[in-house]
């Protein structure tokens, strides 16, 4: 088995051969931005609560 130049496409091919490629692709596309948004919102909430505690 030759080494692929793009590991992402080989991973997609492997997933499609396992008959769950579309599901894996959808989850990978949906999960990445939501993790960033959740981390950002949690950081903002922590910052606001910290400021509130300091002012009170």
PDB file of N, CA and C in Angstrom:
ATOM      1  N   UNK A   1       0.849  -1.197   0.000  1.00  0.00           N
ATOM      2  CA  UNK A   1       0.000   0.000   0.000  1.00  0.00           C
ATOM      3  C   UNK A   1       0.887   1.250   0.000  1.00  0.00           C
ATOM      4  N   UNK A   2       0.819   2.050  -1.050  1.00  0.00           N
ATOM      5  CA  UNK A   2       1.671   3.243  -1.128  1.00  0.00           C
ATOM      6  C   UNK A   2       1.204   4.311  -0.149  1.00  0.00           C
ATOM      7  N   UNK A   3       2.129   5.124   0.294  1.00  0.00           N
ATOM      8  CA  UNK A   3       1.779   6.183   1.239  1.00  0.00           C
ATOM      9  C   UNK A   3       1.072   7.308   0.492  1.00  0.00           C
ATOM     10  N   UNK A   4      -0.116   7.712   0.937  1.00  0.00           N
ATOM     11  CA  UNK A   4      -0.855   8.770   0.257  1.00  0.00           C
ATOM     12  C   UNK A   4      -0.267  10.140   0.556  1.00  0.00           C
ATOM     13  N   UNK A   5      -0.389  11.054  -0.412  1.00  0.00           N
ATOM     14  CA  UNK A   5       0.110  12.419  -0.210  1.00  0.00           C
ATOM     15  C   UNK A   5      -0.821  13.200   0.725  1.00  0.00           C
ATOM     16  N   UNK A   6      -2.118  12.951   0.589  1.00  0.00           N
ATOM     17  CA  UNK A   6      -3.081  13.642   1.437  1.00  0.00           C
ATOM     18  C   UNK A   6      -3.721  12.641   2.384  1.00  0.00           C
ATOM     19  N   UNK A   7      -3.413  12.695   3.685  1.00  0.00           N
ATOM     20  CA  UNK A   7      -4.001  11.731   4.628  1.00  0.00           C
ATOM     21  C   UNK A   7      -5.493  11.940   4.791  1.00  0.00           C
ATOM     22  N   UNK A   8      -5.969  13.180   4.549  1.00  0.00           N
ATOM     23  CA  UNK A   8      -7.400  13.449   4.724  1.00  0.00           C
ATOM     24  C   UNK A   8      -8.224  12.675   3.695  1.00  0.00           C
ATOM     25  N   UNK A   9      -7.770  12.686   2.426  1.00  0.00           N
ATOM     26  CA  UNK A   9      -8.527  11.974   1.397  1.00  0.00           C
ATOM     27  C   UNK A   9      -8.472  10.473   1.627  1.00  0.00           C
ATOM     28  N   UNK A  10      -7.318   9.975   2.080  1.00  0.00           N
ATOM     29  CA  UNK A  10      -7.218   8.538   2.347  1.00  0.00           C
ATOM     30  C   UNK A  10      -8.140   8.164   3.509  1.00  0.00           C
ATOM     31  N   UNK A  11      -8.242   9.057   4.498  1.00  0.00           N
ATOM     32  CA  UNK A  11      -9.151   8.801   5.613  1.00  0.00           C
ATOM     33  C   UNK A  11     -10.594   8.784   5.130  1.00  0.00           C
ATOM     34  N   UNK A  12     -10.931   9.702   4.238  1.00  0.00           N
ATOM     35  CA  UNK A  12     -12.282   9.726   3.686  1.00  0.00           C
ATOM     36  C   UNK A  12     -12.552   8.450   2.898  1.00  0.00           C
ATOM     37  N   UNK A  13     -11.576   8.015   2.116  1.00  0.00           N
ATOM     38  CA  UNK A  13     -11.759   6.774   1.354  1.00  0.00           C
ATOM     39  C   UNK A  13     -11.957   5.596   2.293  1.00  0.00           C
ATOM     40  N   UNK A  14     -11.198   5.561   3.369  1.00  0.00           N
ATOM     41  CA  UNK A  14     -11.346   4.474   4.331  1.00  0.00           C
ATOM     42  C   UNK A  14     -12.734   4.513   4.960  1.00  0.00           C
ATOM     43  N   UNK A  15     -13.201   5.716   5.305  1.00  0.00           N
ATOM     44  CA  UNK A  15     -14.518   5.830   5.924  1.00  0.00           C
ATOM     45  C   UNK A  15     -15.617   5.425   4.945  1.00  0.00           C
ATOM     46  N   UNK A  16     -15.478   5.832   3.689  1.00  0.00           N
ATOM     47  CA  UNK A  16     -16.495   5.468   2.705  1.00  0.00           C
ATOM     48  C   UNK A  16     -16.496   3.966   2.457  1.00  0.00           C
ATOM     49  N   UNK A  17     -15.316   3.354   2.508  1.00  0.00           N
ATOM     50  CA  UNK A  17     -15.257   1.905   2.333  1.00  0.00           C
ATOM     51  C   UNK A  17     -15.906   1.208   3.526  1.00  0.00           C
ATOM     52  N   UNK A  18     -15.896   1.869   4.686  1.00  0.00           N
ATOM     53  CA  UNK A  18     -16.562   1.313   5.862  1.00  0.00           C
ATOM     54  C   UNK A  18     -18.043   1.680   5.892  1.00  0.00           C
ATOM     55  N   UNK A  19     -18.496   2.373   4.835  1.00  0.00           N
ATOM     56  CA  UNK A  19     -19.914   2.690   4.643  1.00  0.00           C
ATOM     57  C   UNK A  19     -20.426   3.662   5.712  1.00  0.00           C
ATOM     58  N   UNK A  20     -19.573   4.568   6.172  1.00  0.00           N
ATOM     59  CA  UNK A  20     -20.021   5.604   7.093  1.00  0.00           C
ATOM     60  C   UNK A  20     -19.296   6.915   6.792  1.00  0.00           C
ATOM     61  N   UNK A  21     -18.916   7.082   5.543  1.00  0.00           N
ATOM     62  CA  UNK A  21     -18.137   8.257   5.161  1.00  0.00           C
ATOM     63  C   UNK A  21     -18.928   9.544   5.291  1.00  0.00           C
ATOM     64  N   UNK A  22     -20.172   9.542   4.820  1.00  0.00           N
ATOM     65  CA  UNK A  22     -20.965  10.769   4.871  1.00  0.00           C
ATOM     66  C   UNK A  22     -21.226  11.172   6.317  1.00  0.00           C
ATOM     67  N   UNK A  23     -21.486  10.182   7.178  1.00  0.00           N
ATOM     68  CA  UNK A  23     -21.746  10.489   8.583  1.00  0.00           C
ATOM     69  C   UNK A  23     -20.495  11.067   9.246  1.00  0.00           C
ATOM     70  N   UNK A  24     -19.329  10.456   8.966  1.00  0.00           N
ATOM     71  CA  UNK A  24     -18.084  10.946   9.542  1.00  0.00           C
ATOM     72  C   UNK A  24     -17.766  12.337   9.031  1.00  0.00           C
ATOM     73  N   UNK A  25     -18.006  12.575   7.740  1.00  0.00           N
ATOM     74  CA  UNK A  25     -17.731  13.880   7.153  1.00  0.00           C
ATOM     75  C   UNK A  25     -18.641  14.939   7.774  1.00  0.00           C
ATOM     76  N   UNK A  26     -19.918  14.605   7.932  1.00  0.00           N
ATOM     77  CA  UNK A  26     -20.861  15.544   8.525  1.00  0.00           C
ATOM     78  C   UNK A  26     -20.469  15.879   9.959  1.00  0.00           C
ATOM     79  N   UNK A  27     -20.139  14.859  10.742  1.00  0.00           N
ATOM     80  CA  UNK A  27     -19.797  15.108  12.140  1.00  0.00           C
ATOM     81  C   UNK A  27     -18.519  15.921  12.234  1.00  0.00           C
ATOM     82  N   UNK A  28     -17.530  15.626  11.390  1.00  0.00           N
ATOM     83  CA  UNK A  28     -16.269  16.371  11.456  1.00  0.00           C
ATOM     84  C   UNK A  28     -16.495  17.823  11.068  1.00  0.00           C
ATOM     85  N   UNK A  29     -17.377  18.067  10.097  1.00  0.00           N
ATOM     86  CA  UNK A  29     -17.659  19.443   9.679  1.00  0.00           C
ATOM     87  C   UNK A  29     -18.442  20.177  10.757  1.00  0.00           C
ATOM     88  N   UNK A  30     -19.364  19.486  11.418  1.00  0.00           N
ATOM     89  CA  UNK A  30     -20.206  20.140  12.419  1.00  0.00           C
ATOM     90  C   UNK A  30     -19.483  20.341  13.746  1.00  0.00           C
ATOM     91  N   UNK A  31     -18.626  19.398  14.118  1.00  0.00           N
ATOM     92  CA  UNK A  31     -18.013  19.435  15.448  1.00  0.00           C
ATOM     93  C   UNK A  31     -16.952  20.527  15.554  1.00  0.00           C
ATOM     94  N   UNK A  32     -16.131  20.700  14.518  1.00  0.00           N
ATOM     95  CA  UNK A  32     -15.007  21.640  14.611  1.00  0.00           C
ATOM     96  C   UNK A  32     -15.430  23.056  14.944  1.00  0.00           C
ATOM     97  N   UNK A  33     -16.386  23.678  14.207  1.00  0.00           N
ATOM     98  CA  UNK A  33     -16.750  25.063  14.563  1.00  0.00           C
ATOM     99  C   UNK A  33     -17.438  25.144  15.920  1.00  0.00           C
ATOM    100  N   UNK A  34     -18.252  24.149  16.258  1.00  0.00           N
ATOM    101  CA  UNK A  34     -18.982  24.219  17.522  1.00  0.00           C
ATOM    102  C   UNK A  34     -18.045  24.143  18.711  1.00  0.00           C
ATOM    103  N   UNK A  35     -16.963  23.374  18.605  1.00  0.00           N
ATOM    104  CA  UNK A  35     -15.993  23.320  19.697  1.00  0.00           C
ATOM    105  C   UNK A  35     -15.364  24.694  19.904  1.00  0.00           C
ATOM    106  N   UNK A  36     -15.051  25.389  18.827  1.00  0.00           N
ATOM    107  CA  UNK A  36     -14.463  26.725  18.945  1.00  0.00           C
ATOM    108  C   UNK A  36     -15.457  27.701  19.537  1.00  0.00           C
ATOM    109  N   UNK A  37     -16.712  27.652  19.074  1.00  0.00           N
ATOM    110  CA  UNK A  37     -17.741  28.569  19.582  1.00  0.00           C
ATOM    111  C   UNK A  37     -17.999  28.324  21.057  1.00  0.00           C
ATOM    112  N   UNK A  38     -18.080  27.042  21.446  1.00  0.00           N
ATOM    113  CA  UNK A  38     -18.325  26.715  22.848  1.00  0.00           C
ATOM    114  C   UNK A  38     -17.169  27.180  23.727  1.00  0.00           C
ATOM    115  N   UNK A  39     -15.941  26.964  23.284  1.00  0.00           N
ATOM    116  CA  UNK A  39     -14.789  27.410  24.061  1.00  0.00           C
ATOM    117  C   UNK A  39     -14.772  28.921  24.195  1.00  0.00           C
ATOM    118  N   UNK A  40     -15.117  29.624  23.110  1.00  0.00           N
ATOM    119  CA  UNK A  40     -15.117  31.084  23.140  1.00  0.00           C
ATOM    120  C   UNK A  40     -16.201  31.602  24.078  1.00  0.00           C
ATOM    121  N   UNK A  41     -17.409  31.040  24.010  1.00  0.00           N
ATOM    122  CA  UNK A  41     -18.503  31.496  24.860  1.00  0.00           C
ATOM    123  C   UNK A  41     -18.200  31.209  26.328  1.00  0.00           C
ATOM    124  N   UNK A  42     -17.586  30.052  26.612  1.00  0.00           N
ATOM    125  CA  UNK A  42     -17.233  29.731  27.995  1.00  0.00           C
ATOM    126  C   UNK A  42     -16.191  30.708  28.514  1.00  0.00           C
ATOM    127  N   UNK A  43     -15.221  31.091  27.657  1.00  0.00           N
ATOM    128  CA  UNK A  43     -14.207  32.053  28.060  1.00  0.00           C
ATOM    129  C   UNK A  43     -14.825  33.411  28.362  1.00  0.00           C
ATOM    130  N   UNK A  44     -15.793  33.836  27.529  1.00  0.00           N
ATOM    131  CA  UNK A  44     -16.458  35.127  27.750  1.00  0.00           C
ATOM    132  C   UNK A  44     -17.255  35.089  29.048  1.00  0.00           C
ATOM    133  N   UNK A  45     -17.974  33.980  29.293  1.00  0.00           N
ATOM    134  CA  UNK A  45     -18.766  33.852  30.526  1.00  0.00           C
ATOM    135  C   UNK A  45     -17.849  33.894  31.742  1.00  0.00           C
ATOM    136  N   UNK A  46     -16.716  33.199  31.680  1.00  0.00           N
ATOM    137  CA  UNK A  46     -15.766  33.223  32.785  1.00  0.00           C
ATOM    138  C   UNK A  46     -15.238  34.634  33.012  1.00  0.00           C
ATOM    139  N   UNK A  47     -14.952  35.347  31.928  1.00  0.00           N
ATOM    140  CA  UNK A  47     -14.423  36.708  32.044  1.00  0.00           C
ATOM    141  C   UNK A  47     -15.453  37.625  32.699  1.00  0.00           C
ATOM    142  N   UNK A  48     -16.715  37.536  32.258  1.00  0.00           N
ATOM    143  CA  UNK A  48     -17.752  38.386  32.835  1.00  0.00           C
ATOM    144  C   UNK A  48     -17.988  38.063  34.308  1.00  0.00           C
ATOM    145  N   UNK A  49     -18.031  36.790  34.655  1.00  0.00           N
ATOM    146  CA  UNK A  49     -18.260  36.414  36.051  1.00  0.00           C
ATOM    147  C   UNK A  49     -17.087  36.869  36.916  1.00  0.00           C
ATOM    148  N   UNK A  50     -15.862  36.789  36.388  1.00  0.00           N
ATOM    149  CA  UNK A  50     -14.685  37.235  37.132  1.00  0.00           C
ATOM    150  C   UNK A  50     -14.747  38.738  37.377  1.00  0.00           C
ATOM    151  N   UNK A  51     -15.158  39.514  36.360  1.00  0.00           N
ATOM    152  CA  UNK A  51     -15.290  40.962  36.526  1.00  0.00           C
ATOM    153  C   UNK A  51     -16.392  41.297  37.529  1.00  0.00           C
ATOM    154  N   UNK A  52     -17.486  40.546  37.478  1.00  0.00           N
ATOM    155  CA  UNK A  52     -18.600  40.780  38.389  1.00  0.00           C
ATOM    156  C   UNK A  52     -18.170  40.526  39.831  1.00  0.00           C
ATOM    157  N   UNK A  53     -17.432  39.447  40.052  1.00  0.00           N
ATOM    158  CA  UNK A  53     -16.956  39.126  41.405  1.00  0.00           C
ATOM    159  C   UNK A  53     -15.998  40.204  41.903  1.00  0.00           C
ATOM    160  N   UNK A  54     -15.158  40.716  41.022  1.00  0.00           N
ATOM    161  CA  UNK A  54     -14.191  41.727  41.431  1.00  0.00           C
ATOM    162  C   UNK A  54     -14.868  43.055  41.747  1.00  0.00           C
ATOM    163  N   UNK A  55     -15.919  43.428  41.003  1.00  0.00           N
ATOM    164  CA  UNK A  55     -16.589  44.697  41.249  1.00  0.00           C
ATOM    165  C   UNK A  55     -17.423  44.622  42.522  1.00  0.00           C
ATOM    166  N   UNK A  56     -18.015  43.466  42.812  1.00  0.00           N
ATOM    167  CA  UNK A  56     -18.828  43.308  44.021  1.00  0.00           C
ATOM    168  C   UNK A  56     -17.906  42.937  45.180  1.00  0.00           C
TER     169      UNK A  56
END
